[in-house]
C-alpha atoms as a PDB file:
ATOM      1  CA  ARG A   1       0.180   0.124   0.109  1.00  0.00           C
ATOM      2  CA  VAL A   2       0.924   3.529  -0.317  1.00  0.00           C
ATOM      3  CA  ASP A   3      -0.108   6.576   1.334  1.00  0.00           C
ATOM      4  CA  MET A   4      -0.106  10.153  -0.148  1.00  0.00           C
ATOM      5  CA  PRO A   5      -1.077  13.332   1.427  1.00  0.00           C
ATOM      6  CA  VAL A   6      -3.875  14.743  -0.555  1.00  0.00           C
ATOM      7  CA  ALA A   7      -2.117  18.079  -1.239  1.00  0.00           C
ATOM      8  CA  ASP A   8       0.184  16.255  -3.457  1.00  0.00           C
ATOM      9  CA  LEU A   9      -2.594  15.008  -5.584  1.00  0.00           C
ATOM     10  CA  PHE A  10      -5.049  17.908  -5.846  1.00  0.00           C
ATOM     11  CA  ALA A  11      -5.157  21.537  -5.462  1.00  0.00           C
ATOM     12  CA  GLU A  12      -6.985  22.822  -2.655  1.00  0.00           C
ATOM     13  CA  ASP A  13     -10.922  22.855  -3.070  1.00  0.00           C
ATOM     14  CA  SER A  14     -10.355  20.960  -6.659  1.00  0.00           C
ATOM     15  CA  VAL A  15     -10.930  17.566  -8.103  1.00  0.00           C
ATOM     16  CA  GLU A  16      -8.523  18.520 -10.659  1.00  0.00           C
ATOM     17  CA  LEU A  17      -5.112  16.779 -10.337  1.00  0.00           C
ATOM     18  CA  MET A  18      -1.916  18.617  -9.799  1.00  0.00           C
ATOM     19  CA  PRO A  19       0.646  18.008 -12.389  1.00  0.00           C
ATOM     20  CA  GLU A  20       2.702  16.001  -9.685  1.00  0.00           C
ATOM     21  CA  GLY A  21      -0.364  13.854  -8.928  1.00  0.00           C
ATOM     22  CA  ALA A  22      -1.237  12.958 -12.527  1.00  0.00           C
ATOM     23  CA  GLU A  23       2.621  12.180 -12.822  1.00  0.00           C
ATOM     24  CA  THR A  24       2.162   9.865  -9.836  1.00  0.00           C
ATOM     25  CA  LEU A  25      -0.872   8.003 -11.586  1.00  0.00           C
ATOM     26  CA  ARG A  26       1.125   7.616 -14.619  1.00  0.00           C
ATOM     27  CA  VAL A  27       3.808   5.893 -12.964  1.00  0.00           C
ATOM     28  CA  ILE A  28       1.179   3.381 -10.935  1.00  0.00           C
ATOM     29  CA  ALA A  29      -0.774   3.102 -14.372  1.00  0.00           C
ATOM     30  CA  GLY A  30       2.681   1.973 -16.258  1.00  0.00           C
ATOM     31  CA  ALA A  31       3.698  -0.561 -13.487  1.00  0.00           C
ATOM     32  CA  LEU A  32       0.183  -2.057 -13.489  1.00  0.00           C
ATOM     33  CA  GLY A  33       0.281  -2.245 -17.457  1.00  0.00           C
ATOM     34  CA  ASN A  34       3.653  -4.406 -17.414  1.00  0.00           C
ATOM     35  CA  PRO A  35       3.329  -7.714 -18.608  1.00  0.00           C
ATOM     36  CA  ARG A  36       4.315  -9.033 -15.673  1.00  0.00           C
ATOM     37  CA  PHE A  37       1.559  -7.851 -13.736  1.00  0.00           C
ATOM     38  CA  ALA A  38      -0.978  -7.515 -16.412  1.00  0.00           C
ATOM     39  CA  LEU A  39      -0.856 -11.376 -16.832  1.00  0.00           C
ATOM     40  CA  ARG A  40      -1.738 -11.774 -13.180  1.00  0.00           C
ATOM     41  CA  GLY A  41      -4.652 -10.662 -11.414  1.00  0.00           C
ATOM     42  CA  TYR A  42      -4.374  -7.262  -9.540  1.00  0.00           C
ATOM     43  CA  ARG A  43      -6.737  -4.876  -7.669  1.00  0.00           C
ATOM     44  CA  VAL A  44      -6.146  -1.484  -6.819  1.00  0.00           C
ATOM     45  CA  ASP A  45      -8.432   0.031  -4.118  1.00  0.00           C
ATOM     46  CA  LEU A  46      -8.334   4.022  -4.024  1.00  0.00           C
ATOM     47  CA  LEU A  47      -9.221   5.035  -0.415  1.00  0.00           C
ATOM     48  CA  TYR A  48      -9.778   8.686   0.036  1.00  0.00           C
ATOM     49  CA  GLY A  49      -9.422   9.638   3.708  1.00  0.00           C
ATOM     50  CA  VAL A  50     -11.861  11.549   5.865  1.00  0.00           C
ATOM     51  CA  ARG A  51     -12.292  12.803   9.247  1.00  0.00           C
ATOM     52  CA  ASP A  52     -15.089  10.162   9.887  1.00  0.00           C
ATOM     53  CA  THR A  53     -18.159   8.710   8.083  1.00  0.00           C
ATOM     54  CA  GLY A  54     -20.683  10.331  10.363  1.00  0.00           C
ATOM     55  CA  SER A  55     -21.784  12.937   7.736  1.00  0.00           C
ATOM     56  CA  GLY A  56     -22.401  10.131   5.075  1.00  0.00           C
ATOM     57  CA  VAL A  57     -22.402  10.714   1.430  1.00  0.00           C
ATOM     58  CA  THR A  58     -23.854  14.244   1.261  1.00  0.00           C
ATOM     59  CA  GLY A  59     -21.007  15.292   3.847  1.00  0.00           C
ATOM     60  CA  ASN A  60     -18.300  13.529   2.082  1.00  0.00           C
ATOM     61  CA  ARG A  61     -19.414  14.370  -1.488  1.00  0.00           C
ATOM     62  CA  ALA A  62     -16.100  16.225  -2.202  1.00  0.00           C
ATOM     63  CA  ALA A  63     -14.030  13.317  -0.913  1.00  0.00           C
ATOM     64  CA  LEU A  64     -16.103  10.798  -3.076  1.00  0.00           C
ATOM     65  CA  ALA A  65     -15.601  13.306  -6.178  1.00  0.00           C
ATOM     66  CA  ARG A  66     -11.805  12.913  -5.614  1.00  0.00           C
ATOM     67  CA  ALA A  67     -11.748   9.182  -5.179  1.00  0.00           C
ATOM     68  CA  GLY A  68     -13.660   8.789  -8.385  1.00  0.00           C
ATOM     69  CA  ALA A  69     -11.000  11.078  -9.954  1.00  0.00           C
ATOM     70  CA  LEU A  70      -8.348   9.060  -9.073  1.00  0.00           C
ATOM     71  CA  VAL A  71     -10.061   5.696 -10.414  1.00  0.00           C
ATOM     72  CA  ARG A  72     -11.215   7.801 -13.718  1.00  0.00           C
ATOM     73  CA  SER A  73      -7.474   8.946 -14.332  1.00  0.00           C
ATOM     74  CA  LEU A  74      -5.906   5.341 -13.940  1.00  0.00           C
ATOM     75  CA  GLU A  75      -8.972   4.079 -16.365  1.00  0.00           C
ATOM     76  CA  SER A  76      -8.102   6.737 -18.985  1.00  0.00           C
ATOM     77  CA  GLN A  77      -4.540   5.235 -19.049  1.00  0.00           C
ATOM     78  CA  GLY A  78      -5.773   1.890 -19.700  1.00  0.00           C
ATOM     79  CA  LEU A  79      -6.231  -0.053 -16.478  1.00  0.00           C
ATOM     80  CA  PRO A  80      -9.430  -2.072 -16.643  1.00  0.00           C
ATOM     81  CA  PRO A  81     -12.355  -0.574 -14.638  1.00  0.00           C
ATOM     82  CA  SER A  82     -12.875  -4.287 -13.030  1.00  0.00           C
ATOM     83  CA  ARG A  83      -9.587  -3.882 -11.222  1.00  0.00           C
ATOM     84  CA  LEU A  84     -10.394  -0.575  -9.454  1.00  0.00           C
ATOM     85  CA  SER A  85     -12.369   0.800  -6.792  1.00  0.00           C
ATOM     86  CA  ALA A  86     -12.801   3.893  -4.750  1.00  0.00           C
ATOM     87  CA  GLY A  87     -13.896   4.521  -1.499  1.00  0.00           C
ATOM     88  CA  LEU A  88     -13.808   6.316   2.044  1.00  0.00           C
ATOM     89  CA  LEU A  89     -11.326   5.505   4.639  1.00  0.00           C
ATOM     90  CA  PRO A  90     -12.562   6.856   8.034  1.00  0.00           C
ATOM     91  CA  ASP A  91     -10.201   8.541  10.396  1.00  0.00           C
ATOM     92  CA  PHE A  92      -7.511   9.291   7.910  1.00  0.00           C
ATOM     93  CA  ALA A  93      -8.370  12.865   6.704  1.00  0.00           C
ATOM     94  CA  GLY A  94      -5.845  14.572   4.531  1.00  0.00           C
ATOM     95  CA  THR A  95      -4.479  10.986   2.883  1.00  0.00           C
ATOM     96  CA  ALA A  96      -5.357   8.862  -0.038  1.00  0.00           C
ATOM     97  CA  ARG A  97      -4.148   5.296   0.156  1.00  0.00           C
ATOM     98  CA  PHE A  98      -3.456   3.021  -2.768  1.00  0.00           C
ATOM     99  CA  HIS A  99      -4.017  -0.602  -1.592  1.00  0.00           C
ATOM    100  CA  PHE A 100      -2.615  -3.066  -4.208  1.00  0.00           C
ATOM    101  CA  THR A 101      -3.564  -6.688  -4.198  1.00  0.00           C
ATOM    102  CA  ILE A 102      -1.563  -8.800  -6.591  1.00  0.00           C
ATOM    103  CA  GLU A 103      -2.639 -12.268  -7.083  1.00  0.00           C
ATOM    104  CA  LEU A 104       0.249 -14.819  -7.166  1.00  0.00           C
ATOM    105  CA  GLU A 105       0.227 -18.317  -8.986  1.00  0.00           C
ATOM    106  CA  THR A 106       0.006 -21.399  -7.092  1.00  0.00           C
ATOM    107  CA  PRO A 107       2.990 -23.686  -7.242  1.00  0.00           C
ATOM    108  CA  ALA A 108       1.020 -26.416  -8.984  1.00  0.00           C
ATOM    109  CA  ALA A 109       0.058 -24.086 -11.571  1.00  0.00           C
ATOM    110  CA  GLU A 110       3.730 -22.659 -11.930  1.00  0.00           C
ATOM    111  CA  ALA A 111       5.059 -26.448 -12.420  1.00  0.00           C
ATOM    112  CA  GLY A 112       2.451 -27.278 -15.010  1.00  0.00           C
ATOM    113  CA  GLY A 113       0.384 -29.417 -12.485  1.00  0.00           C
ATOM    114  CA  GLU A 114      -3.361 -29.071 -12.464  1.00  0.00           C
ATOM    115  CA  GLY A 115      -4.762 -25.935 -10.557  1.00  0.00           C
END
């Protein structure tokens, strides 16, 4: 997982990615587009930190919009939507978490056995 300050991704009060944030997402998309990962299953959960979830969807509309902007940026760079998700992470305000899950092949499948 990678935790990044939201201020490194977005301008204040904006859903537009700053150049540094866009470059970070280009690096992530490039790494996951590498055939080494593309052949295996992977998942990226983009979690946008909020103070709490007590205010529900309405109170966290800006956070949801920013989380969605991160996912759309990765989709626009060729990552399959089925491997991406976005959500809110309570008690983690000011930070975006990129949680990566890479599925590894089983030893039987690697050895040519049934799997």
